[in-house]
Amino acid sequence: DDLIHVGSVEAPSDKLAKNYADTTYDEEDWSVMVLVRREDLIK
């Protein structure tokens, strides 16, 4: 499947961001979940 944007999280570190994302967006049994730092997005 295509990756879809489901939301965002704010955290002081990558490790905590992974935990926050996993617990916040746990409504599906995702085959994959990835995080992208907003500052790394290129318009």
All heavy atoms as atom14 arrays in JSON, in Angstrom:
{
  "sequence": "DDLIHVGSVEAPSDKLAKNYADTTYDEEDWSVMVLVRREDLIK",
  "atom14_mask": [
    [1, 1, 1, 1, 1, 1, 1, 1, 0, 0, 0, 0, 0, 0],
    [1, 1, 1, 1, 1, 1, 1, 1, 0, 0, 0, 0, 0, 0],
    [1, 1, 1, 1, 1, 1, 1, 1, 0, 0, 0, 0, 0, 0],
    [1, 1, 1, 1, 1, 1, 1, 1, 0, 0, 0, 0, 0, 0],
    [1, 1, 1, 1, 1, 1, 1, 1, 1, 1, 0, 0, 0, 0],
    [1, 1, 1, 1, 1, 1, 1, 0, 0, 0, 0, 0, 0, 0],
    [1, 1, 1, 1, 0, 0, 0, 0, 0, 0, 0, 0, 0, 0],
    [1, 1, 1, 1, 1, 1, 0, 0, 0, 0, 0, 0, 0, 0],
    [1, 1, 1, 1, 1, 1, 1, 0, 0, 0, 0, 0, 0, 0],
    [1, 1, 1, 1, 1, 1, 1, 1, 1, 0, 0, 0, 0, 0],
    [1, 1, 1, 1, 1, 0, 0, 0, 0, 0, 0, 0, 0, 0],
    [1, 1, 1, 1, 1, 1, 1, 0, 0, 0, 0, 0, 0, 0],
    [1, 1, 1, 1, 1, 1, 0, 0, 0, 0, 0, 0, 0, 0],
    [1, 1, 1, 1, 1, 1, 1, 1, 0, 0, 0, 0, 0, 0],
    [1, 1, 1, 1, 1, 1, 1, 1, 1, 0, 0, 0, 0, 0],
    [1, 1, 1, 1, 1, 1, 1, 1, 0, 0, 0, 0, 0, 0],
    [1, 1, 1, 1, 1, 0, 0, 0, 0, 0, 0, 0, 0, 0],
    [1, 1, 1, 1, 1, 1, 1, 1, 1, 0, 0, 0, 0, 0],
    [1, 1, 1, 1, 1, 1, 1, 1, 0, 0, 0, 0, 0, 0],
    [1, 1, 1, 1, 1, 1, 1, 1, 1, 1, 1, 1, 0, 0],
    [1, 1, 1, 1, 1, 0, 0, 0, 0, 0, 0, 0, 0, 0],
    [1, 1, 1, 1, 1, 1, 1, 1, 0, 0, 0, 0, 0, 0],
    [1, 1, 1, 1, 1, 1, 1, 0, 0, 0, 0, 0, 0, 0],
    [1, 1, 1, 1, 1, 1, 1, 0, 0, 0, 0, 0, 0, 0],
    [1, 1, 1, 1, 1, 1, 1, 1, 1, 1, 1, 1, 0, 0],
    [1, 1, 1, 1, 1, 1, 1, 1, 0, 0, 0, 0, 0, 0],
    [1, 1, 1, 1, 1, 1, 1, 1, 1, 0, 0, 0, 0, 0],
    [1, 1, 1, 1, 1, 1, 1, 1, 1, 0, 0, 0, 0, 0],
    [1, 1, 1, 1, 1, 1, 1, 1, 0, 0, 0, 0, 0, 0],
    [1, 1, 1, 1, 1, 1, 1, 1, 1, 1, 1, 1, 1, 1],
    [1, 1, 1, 1, 1, 1, 0, 0, 0, 0, 0, 0, 0, 0],
    [1, 1, 1, 1, 1, 1, 1, 0, 0, 0, 0, 0, 0, 0],
    [1, 1, 1, 1, 1, 1, 1, 1, 0, 0, 0, 0, 0, 0],
    [1, 1, 1, 1, 1, 1, 1, 0, 0, 0, 0, 0, 0, 0],
    [1, 1, 1, 1, 1, 1, 1, 1, 0, 0, 0, 0, 0, 0],
    [1, 1, 1, 1, 1, 1, 1, 0, 0, 0, 0, 0, 0, 0],
    [1, 1, 1, 1, 1, 1, 1, 1, 1, 1, 1, 0, 0, 0],
    [1, 1, 1, 1, 1, 1, 1, 1, 1, 1, 1, 0, 0, 0],
    [1, 1, 1, 1, 1, 1, 1, 1, 1, 0, 0, 0, 0, 0],
    [1, 1, 1, 1, 1, 1, 1, 1, 0, 0, 0, 0, 0, 0],
    [1, 1, 1, 1, 1, 1, 1, 1, 0, 0, 0, 0, 0, 0],
    [1, 1, 1, 1, 1, 1, 1, 1, 0, 0, 0, 0, 0, 0],
    [1, 1, 1, 1, 1, 1, 1, 1, 1, 0, 0, 0, 0, 0]
  ],
  "atom14_positions": [
    [[0.85, -1.2, 0.0], [0.0, 0.0, 0.0], [0.88, 1.25, 0.0], [2.03, 1.22, 0.44], [-0.89, 0.06, 1.25], [-2.02, -0.94, 1.24], [-2.25, -1.59, 0.2], [-2.68, -1.08, 2.3], [0.0, 0.0, 0.0], [0.0, 0.0, 0.0], [0.0, 0.0, 0.0], [0.0, 0.0, 0.0], [0.0, 0.0, 0.0], [0.0, 0.0, 0.0]],
    [[0.31, 2.36, -0.46], [0.99, 3.64, -0.36], [1.09, 4.05, 1.11], [0.22, 3.7, 1.91], [0.23, 4.73, -1.11], [0.27, 4.56, -2.62], [1.19, 3.89, -3.12], [-0.63, 5.09, -3.29], [0.0, 0.0, 0.0], [0.0, 0.0, 0.0], [0.0, 0.0, 0.0], [0.0, 0.0, 0.0], [0.0, 0.0, 0.0], [0.0, 0.0, 0.0]],
    [[2.14, 4.78, 1.44], [2.22, 5.39, 2.77], [1.19, 6.51, 2.83], [1.02, 7.25, 1.86], [3.61, 5.97, 3.03], [4.72, 4.99, 3.35], [6.06, 5.72, 3.39], [4.47, 4.3, 4.68], [0.0, 0.0, 0.0], [0.0, 0.0, 0.0], [0.0, 0.0, 0.0], [0.0, 0.0, 0.0], [0.0, 0.0, 0.0], [0.0, 0.0, 0.0]],
    [[0.51, 6.62, 3.98], [-0.44, 7.7, 4.17], [-0.05, 8.49, 5.42], [0.5, 7.94, 6.37], [-1.89, 7.2, 4.29], [-2.04, 6.2, 5.43], [-2.37, 6.61, 2.98], [-3.48, 5.84, 5.75], [0.0, 0.0, 0.0], [0.0, 0.0, 0.0], [0.0, 0.0, 0.0], [0.0, 0.0, 0.0], [0.0, 0.0, 0.0], [0.0, 0.0, 0.0]],
    [[-0.3, 9.77, 5.39], [-0.03, 10.64, 6.53], [-1.2, 10.51, 7.5], [-2.34, 10.77, 7.14], [0.13, 12.08, 6.06], [0.38, 13.04, 7.16], [-0.59, 13.89, 7.62], [1.49, 13.29, 7.9], [-0.09, 14.62, 8.6], [1.17, 14.27, 8.78], [0.0, 0.0, 0.0], [0.0, 0.0, 0.0], [0.0, 0.0, 0.0], [0.0, 0.0, 0.0]],
    [[-0.92, 10.1, 8.74], [-1.99, 9.93, 9.72], [-1.96, 10.99, 10.81], [-2.9, 11.09, 11.59], [-1.99, 8.52, 10.35], [-2.34, 7.47, 9.31], [-0.68, 8.2, 11.04], [0.0, 0.0, 0.0], [0.0, 0.0, 0.0], [0.0, 0.0, 0.0], [0.0, 0.0, 0.0], [0.0, 0.0, 0.0], [0.0, 0.0, 0.0], [0.0, 0.0, 0.0]],
    [[-0.9, 11.76, 10.9], [-0.84, 12.8, 11.92], [0.58, 13.18, 12.25], [1.5, 12.96, 11.46], [0.0, 0.0, 0.0], [0.0, 0.0, 0.0], [0.0, 0.0, 0.0], [0.0, 0.0, 0.0], [0.0, 0.0, 0.0], [0.0, 0.0, 0.0], [0.0, 0.0, 0.0], [0.0, 0.0, 0.0], [0.0, 0.0, 0.0], [0.0, 0.0, 0.0]],
    [[0.75, 13.74, 13.45], [2.07, 14.19, 13.86], [2.2, 14.04, 15.37], [1.21, 13.9, 16.09], [2.29, 15.64, 13.44], [1.3, 16.47, 14.01], [0.0, 0.0, 0.0], [0.0, 0.0, 0.0], [0.0, 0.0, 0.0], [0.0, 0.0, 0.0], [0.0, 0.0, 0.0], [0.0, 0.0, 0.0], [0.0, 0.0, 0.0], [0.0, 0.0, 0.0]],
    [[3.45, 14.03, 15.81], [3.75, 14.0, 17.24], [4.87, 15.0, 17.52], [5.63, 15.35, 16.63], [4.17, 12.59, 17.74], [3.02, 11.61, 17.63], [5.39, 12.07, 17.02], [0.0, 0.0, 0.0], [0.0, 0.0, 0.0], [0.0, 0.0, 0.0], [0.0, 0.0, 0.0], [0.0, 0.0, 0.0], [0.0, 0.0, 0.0], [0.0, 0.0, 0.0]],
    [[4.94, 15.44, 18.76], [6.01, 16.32, 19.2], [6.73, 15.61, 20.33], [6.1, 15.09, 21.26], [5.45, 17.65, 19.68], [6.52, 18.66, 19.99], [5.94, 20.03, 20.29], [4.81, 20.32, 19.84], [6.63, 20.8, 20.99], [0.0, 0.0, 0.0], [0.0, 0.0, 0.0], [0.0, 0.0, 0.0], [0.0, 0.0, 0.0], [0.0, 0.0, 0.0]],
    [[8.06, 15.56, 20.24], [8.86, 14.86, 21.25], [10.27, 15.44, 21.27], [10.75, 15.95, 20.27], [8.91, 13.37, 20.94], [0.0, 0.0, 0.0], [0.0, 0.0, 0.0], [0.0, 0.0, 0.0], [0.0, 0.0, 0.0], [0.0, 0.0, 0.0], [0.0, 0.0, 0.0], [0.0, 0.0, 0.0], [0.0, 0.0, 0.0], [0.0, 0.0, 0.0]],
    [[10.95, 15.31, 22.42], [12.32, 15.84, 22.52], [13.38, 14.94, 21.89], [14.52, 15.37, 21.73], [12.54, 15.96, 24.03], [11.62, 14.95, 24.63], [10.44, 14.87, 23.71], [0.0, 0.0, 0.0], [0.0, 0.0, 0.0], [0.0, 0.0, 0.0], [0.0, 0.0, 0.0], [0.0, 0.0, 0.0], [0.0, 0.0, 0.0], [0.0, 0.0, 0.0]],
    [[13.02, 13.7, 21.52], [14.0, 12.79, 20.92], [13.3, 11.82, 19.97], [12.09, 11.62, 20.05], [14.71, 11.98, 22.01], [13.82, 11.06, 22.6], [0.0, 0.0, 0.0], [0.0, 0.0, 0.0], [0.0, 0.0, 0.0], [0.0, 0.0, 0.0], [0.0, 0.0, 0.0], [0.0, 0.0, 0.0], [0.0, 0.0, 0.0], [0.0, 0.0, 0.0]],
    [[14.1, 11.21, 19.07], [13.55, 10.22, 18.14], [12.95, 9.04, 18.91], [11.88, 8.54, 18.55], [14.65, 9.7, 17.21], [15.14, 10.75, 16.22], [14.54, 11.85, 16.12], [16.14, 10.45, 15.54], [0.0, 0.0, 0.0], [0.0, 0.0, 0.0], [0.0, 0.0, 0.0], [0.0, 0.0, 0.0], [0.0, 0.0, 0.0], [0.0, 0.0, 0.0]],
    [[13.62, 8.61, 19.97], [13.15, 7.45, 20.73], [11.77, 7.72, 21.32], [10.87, 6.88, 21.22], [14.15, 7.12, 21.84], [13.8, 5.89, 22.62], [14.87, 5.55, 23.64], [14.5, 4.28, 24.4], [15.54, 3.9, 25.36], [0.0, 0.0, 0.0], [0.0, 0.0, 0.0], [0.0, 0.0, 0.0], [0.0, 0.0, 0.0], [0.0, 0.0, 0.0]],
    [[11.59, 8.88, 21.94], [10.27, 9.21, 22.5], [9.24, 9.42, 21.4], [8.08, 9.05, 21.56], [10.36, 10.45, 23.39], [10.84, 10.19, 24.81], [11.0, 11.51, 25.55], [9.88, 9.29, 25.55], [0.0, 0.0, 0.0], [0.0, 0.0, 0.0], [0.0, 0.0, 0.0], [0.0, 0.0, 0.0], [0.0, 0.0, 0.0], [0.0, 0.0, 0.0]],
    [[9.65, 9.99, 20.27], [8.71, 10.19, 19.16], [8.19, 8.85, 18.67], [6.99, 8.73, 18.37], [9.4, 10.95, 18.03], [0.0, 0.0, 0.0], [0.0, 0.0, 0.0], [0.0, 0.0, 0.0], [0.0, 0.0, 0.0], [0.0, 0.0, 0.0], [0.0, 0.0, 0.0], [0.0, 0.0, 0.0], [0.0, 0.0, 0.0], [0.0, 0.0, 0.0]],
    [[9.04, 7.84, 18.58], [8.6, 6.5, 18.18], [7.55, 5.97, 19.15], [6.52, 5.45, 18.73], [9.77, 5.53, 18.14], [10.74, 5.75, 17.01], [11.84, 4.71, 17.11], [13.07, 5.08, 16.36], [14.11, 4.05, 16.47], [0.0, 0.0, 0.0], [0.0, 0.0, 0.0], [0.0, 0.0, 0.0], [0.0, 0.0, 0.0], [0.0, 0.0, 0.0]],
    [[7.82, 6.14, 20.44], [6.88, 5.66, 21.45], [5.56, 6.41, 21.37], [4.48, 5.8, 21.41], [7.51, 5.8, 22.83], [6.65, 5.23, 23.91], [5.77, 5.91, 24.42], [6.9, 3.98, 24.26], [0.0, 0.0, 0.0], [0.0, 0.0, 0.0], [0.0, 0.0, 0.0], [0.0, 0.0, 0.0], [0.0, 0.0, 0.0], [0.0, 0.0, 0.0]],
    [[5.61, 7.74, 21.26], [4.4, 8.54, 21.16], [3.58, 8.16, 19.94], [2.36, 8.04, 20.01], [4.72, 10.03, 21.11], [5.34, 10.62, 22.34], [5.92, 11.88, 22.31], [5.38, 9.94, 23.56], [6.5, 12.46, 23.44], [5.97, 10.5, 24.69], [6.52, 11.75, 24.62], [7.09, 12.3, 25.74], [0.0, 0.0, 0.0], [0.0, 0.0, 0.0]],
    [[4.24, 8.0, 18.79], [3.53, 7.65, 17.56], [2.88, 6.28, 17.68], [1.72, 6.09, 17.29], [4.48, 7.68, 16.37], [0.0, 0.0, 0.0], [0.0, 0.0, 0.0], [0.0, 0.0, 0.0], [0.0, 0.0, 0.0], [0.0, 0.0, 0.0], [0.0, 0.0, 0.0], [0.0, 0.0, 0.0], [0.0, 0.0, 0.0], [0.0, 0.0, 0.0]],
    [[3.62, 5.33, 18.23], [3.11, 3.97, 18.37], [1.88, 3.92, 19.28], [0.92, 3.21, 19.0], [4.21, 3.05, 18.9], [3.83, 1.6, 18.84], [3.25, 1.16, 17.81], [4.09, 0.87, 19.82], [0.0, 0.0, 0.0], [0.0, 0.0, 0.0], [0.0, 0.0, 0.0], [0.0, 0.0, 0.0], [0.0, 0.0, 0.0], [0.0, 0.0, 0.0]],
    [[1.89, 4.68, 20.36], [0.76, 4.65, 21.29], [-0.39, 5.56, 20.85], [-1.55, 5.27, 21.13], [1.19, 5.02, 22.72], [1.81, 6.3, 22.71], [2.16, 4.0, 23.28], [0.0, 0.0, 0.0], [0.0, 0.0, 0.0], [0.0, 0.0, 0.0], [0.0, 0.0, 0.0], [0.0, 0.0, 0.0], [0.0, 0.0, 0.0], [0.0, 0.0, 0.0]],
    [[-0.08, 6.64, 20.12], [-1.13, 7.56, 19.69], [-1.9, 7.02, 18.5], [-3.12, 7.19, 18.41], [-0.51, 8.93, 19.32], [0.18, 9.44, 20.45], [-1.57, 9.93, 18.87], [0.0, 0.0, 0.0], [0.0, 0.0, 0.0], [0.0, 0.0, 0.0], [0.0, 0.0, 0.0], [0.0, 0.0, 0.0], [0.0, 0.0, 0.0], [0.0, 0.0, 0.0]],
    [[-1.2, 6.38, 17.58], [-1.83, 5.91, 16.33], [-1.89, 4.38, 16.3], [-1.51, 3.75, 15.33], [-1.07, 6.47, 15.12], [-1.06, 7.98, 15.13], [0.06, 8.69, 15.54], [-2.19, 8.69, 14.76], [0.06, 10.08, 15.58], [-2.2, 10.08, 14.8], [-1.08, 10.76, 15.21], [-1.1, 12.13, 15.26], [0.0, 0.0, 0.0], [0.0, 0.0, 0.0]],
    [[-2.42, 3.8, 17.37], [-2.47, 2.33, 17.48], [-3.82, 1.75, 17.09], [-4.1, 0.58, 17.37], [-2.11, 1.91, 18.91], [-3.11, 2.4, 19.94], [-3.97, 3.23, 19.6], [-3.03, 1.94, 21.09], [0.0, 0.0, 0.0], [0.0, 0.0, 0.0], [0.0, 0.0, 0.0], [0.0, 0.0, 0.0], [0.0, 0.0, 0.0], [0.0, 0.0, 0.0]],
    [[-4.66, 2.53, 16.4], [-6.0, 2.05, 16.06], [-6.0, 0.99, 14.95], [-6.99, 0.32, 14.75], [-6.92, 3.21, 15.67], [-6.56, 3.91, 14.36], [-5.55, 5.03, 14.51], [-5.02, 5.24, 15.61], [-5.28, 5.71, 13.5], [0.0, 0.0, 0.0], [0.0, 0.0, 0.0], [0.0, 0.0, 0.0], [0.0, 0.0, 0.0], [0.0, 0.0, 0.0]],
    [[-4.92, 0.87, 14.24], [-4.79, -0.14, 13.17], [-3.6, -1.04, 13.46], [-2.7, -0.67, 14.21], [-4.57, 0.55, 11.81], [-5.72, 1.35, 11.29], [-6.83, 0.5, 10.7], [-6.62, -0.7, 10.45], [-7.92, 1.06, 10.49], [0.0, 0.0, 0.0], [0.0, 0.0, 0.0], [0.0, 0.0, 0.0], [0.0, 0.0, 0.0], [0.0, 0.0, 0.0]],
    [[-3.59, -2.18, 12.8], [-2.44, -3.07, 12.86], [-1.57, -2.76, 11.64], [-1.6, -3.46, 10.63], [-2.9, -4.53, 12.85], [-1.75, -5.5, 13.05], [-0.7, -5.08, 13.57], [-1.92, -6.67, 12.69], [0.0, 0.0, 0.0], [0.0, 0.0, 0.0], [0.0, 0.0, 0.0], [0.0, 0.0, 0.0], [0.0, 0.0, 0.0], [0.0, 0.0, 0.0]],
    [[-0.85, -1.63, 11.72], [-0.08, -1.13, 10.59], [1.01, -2.13, 10.19], [1.67, -2.7, 11.05], [0.6, 0.19, 10.94], [-0.31, 1.25, 11.48], [-0.32, 1.72, 12.77], [-1.32, 1.97, 10.8], [-1.27, 2.69, 12.92], [-1.91, 2.87, 11.72], [-1.8, 1.95, 9.5], [-2.95, 3.73, 11.37], [-2.82, 2.81, 9.14], [-3.38, 3.69, 10.08]],
    [[1.24, -2.29, 8.89], [2.36, -3.12, 8.46], [3.66, -2.35, 8.6], [4.72, -2.94, 8.78], [2.17, -3.61, 7.02], [2.29, -2.56, 6.1], [0.0, 0.0, 0.0], [0.0, 0.0, 0.0], [0.0, 0.0, 0.0], [0.0, 0.0, 0.0], [0.0, 0.0, 0.0], [0.0, 0.0, 0.0], [0.0, 0.0, 0.0], [0.0, 0.0, 0.0]],
    [[3.58, -1.02, 8.53], [4.75, -0.17, 8.73], [4.3, 1.21, 9.21], [3.24, 1.68, 8.83], [5.61, -0.06, 7.44], [4.92, 0.74, 6.38], [6.98, 0.52, 7.72], [0.0, 0.0, 0.0], [0.0, 0.0, 0.0], [0.0, 0.0, 0.0], [0.0, 0.0, 0.0], [0.0, 0.0, 0.0], [0.0, 0.0, 0.0], [0.0, 0.0, 0.0]],
    [[5.11, 1.8, 10.07], [4.9, 3.18, 10.51], [6.27, 3.85, 10.51], [7.23, 3.28, 11.02], [4.31, 3.24, 11.92], [4.12, 4.64, 12.46], [3.49, 4.71, 14.17], [1.81, 4.19, 13.93], [0.0, 0.0, 0.0], [0.0, 0.0, 0.0], [0.0, 0.0, 0.0], [0.0, 0.0, 0.0], [0.0, 0.0, 0.0], [0.0, 0.0, 0.0]],
    [[6.35, 5.02, 9.9], [7.61, 5.76, 9.87], [7.38, 7.19, 10.33], [6.28, 7.72, 10.25], [8.26, 5.76, 8.46], [8.61, 4.36, 8.03], [7.36, 6.43, 7.44], [0.0, 0.0, 0.0], [0.0, 0.0, 0.0], [0.0, 0.0, 0.0], [0.0, 0.0, 0.0], [0.0, 0.0, 0.0], [0.0, 0.0, 0.0], [0.0, 0.0, 0.0]],
    [[8.45, 7.79, 10.83], [8.42, 9.19, 11.24], [9.38, 9.98, 10.37], [10.44, 9.49, 9.99], [8.88, 9.33, 12.7], [8.05, 8.62, 13.75], [8.71, 8.77, 15.12], [6.64, 9.17, 13.78], [0.0, 0.0, 0.0], [0.0, 0.0, 0.0], [0.0, 0.0, 0.0], [0.0, 0.0, 0.0], [0.0, 0.0, 0.0], [0.0, 0.0, 0.0]],
    [[9.0, 11.21, 10.09], [9.88, 12.14, 9.37], [9.92, 13.42, 10.18], [8.87, 13.97, 10.54], [9.35, 12.45, 7.95], [10.26, 13.44, 7.24], [9.17, 11.18, 7.14], [0.0, 0.0, 0.0], [0.0, 0.0, 0.0], [0.0, 0.0, 0.0], [0.0, 0.0, 0.0], [0.0, 0.0, 0.0], [0.0, 0.0, 0.0], [0.0, 0.0, 0.0]],
    [[11.12, 13.87, 10.51], [11.23, 15.16, 11.2], [10.68, 16.24, 10.27], [11.05, 16.3, 9.1], [12.67, 15.48, 11.55], [13.21, 14.65, 12.67], [14.58, 15.16, 13.07], [15.19, 14.21, 13.98], [16.38, 13.67, 13.79], [17.11, 14.01, 12.75], [16.84, 12.8, 14.66], [0.0, 0.0, 0.0], [0.0, 0.0, 0.0], [0.0, 0.0, 0.0]],
    [[9.8, 17.06, 10.8], [9.19, 18.1, 9.97], [10.25, 19.0, 9.34], [10.12, 19.41, 8.19], [8.21, 18.93, 10.79], [7.4, 19.86, 9.89], [6.27, 20.55, 10.59], [5.37, 19.6, 11.18], [4.76, 19.79, 12.34], [4.96, 20.9, 13.01], [3.94, 18.9, 12.83], [0.0, 0.0, 0.0], [0.0, 0.0, 0.0], [0.0, 0.0, 0.0]],
    [[11.33, 19.24, 10.05], [12.39, 20.11, 9.51], [13.09, 19.48, 8.31], [13.75, 20.17, 7.54], [13.41, 20.43, 10.59], [14.18, 19.22, 11.08], [14.99, 19.47, 12.34], [14.52, 20.19, 13.23], [16.11, 18.94, 12.4], [0.0, 0.0, 0.0], [0.0, 0.0, 0.0], [0.0, 0.0, 0.0], [0.0, 0.0, 0.0], [0.0, 0.0, 0.0]],
    [[12.93, 18.16, 8.11], [13.56, 17.48, 6.98], [12.68, 17.42, 5.74], [13.12, 16.95, 4.68], [13.97, 16.06, 7.38], [15.11, 16.05, 8.38], [15.88, 17.03, 8.42], [15.22, 15.06, 9.14], [0.0, 0.0, 0.0], [0.0, 0.0, 0.0], [0.0, 0.0, 0.0], [0.0, 0.0, 0.0], [0.0, 0.0, 0.0], [0.0, 0.0, 0.0]],
    [[11.43, 17.89, 5.85], [10.56, 17.91, 4.68], [11.02, 19.0, 3.73], [11.4, 20.09, 4.16], [9.11, 18.17, 5.1], [8.44, 17.08, 5.92], [7.08, 17.55, 6.4], [8.31, 15.8, 5.12], [0.0, 0.0, 0.0], [0.0, 0.0, 0.0], [0.0, 0.0, 0.0], [0.0, 0.0, 0.0], [0.0, 0.0, 0.0], [0.0, 0.0, 0.0]],
    [[10.97, 18.71, 2.46], [11.38, 19.66, 1.43], [10.15, 20.0, 0.6], [9.53, 19.11, 0.0], [12.47, 19.07, 0.52], [13.7, 18.74, 1.36], [12.8, 20.03, -0.62], [14.74, 17.92, 0.64], [0.0, 0.0, 0.0], [0.0, 0.0, 0.0], [0.0, 0.0, 0.0], [0.0, 0.0, 0.0], [0.0, 0.0, 0.0], [0.0, 0.0, 0.0]],
    [[9.78, 21.25, 0.58], [8.62, 21.68, -0.17], [8.98, 21.76, -1.65], [10.0, 22.35, -2.01], [8.14, 23.04, 0.34], [6.76, 23.38, -0.11], [6.18, 24.49, 0.73], [4.71, 24.61, 0.48], [4.06, 25.49, 1.43], [0.0, 0.0, 0.0], [0.0, 0.0, 0.0], [0.0, 0.0, 0.0], [0.0, 0.0, 0.0], [0.0, 0.0, 0.0]]
  ]
}
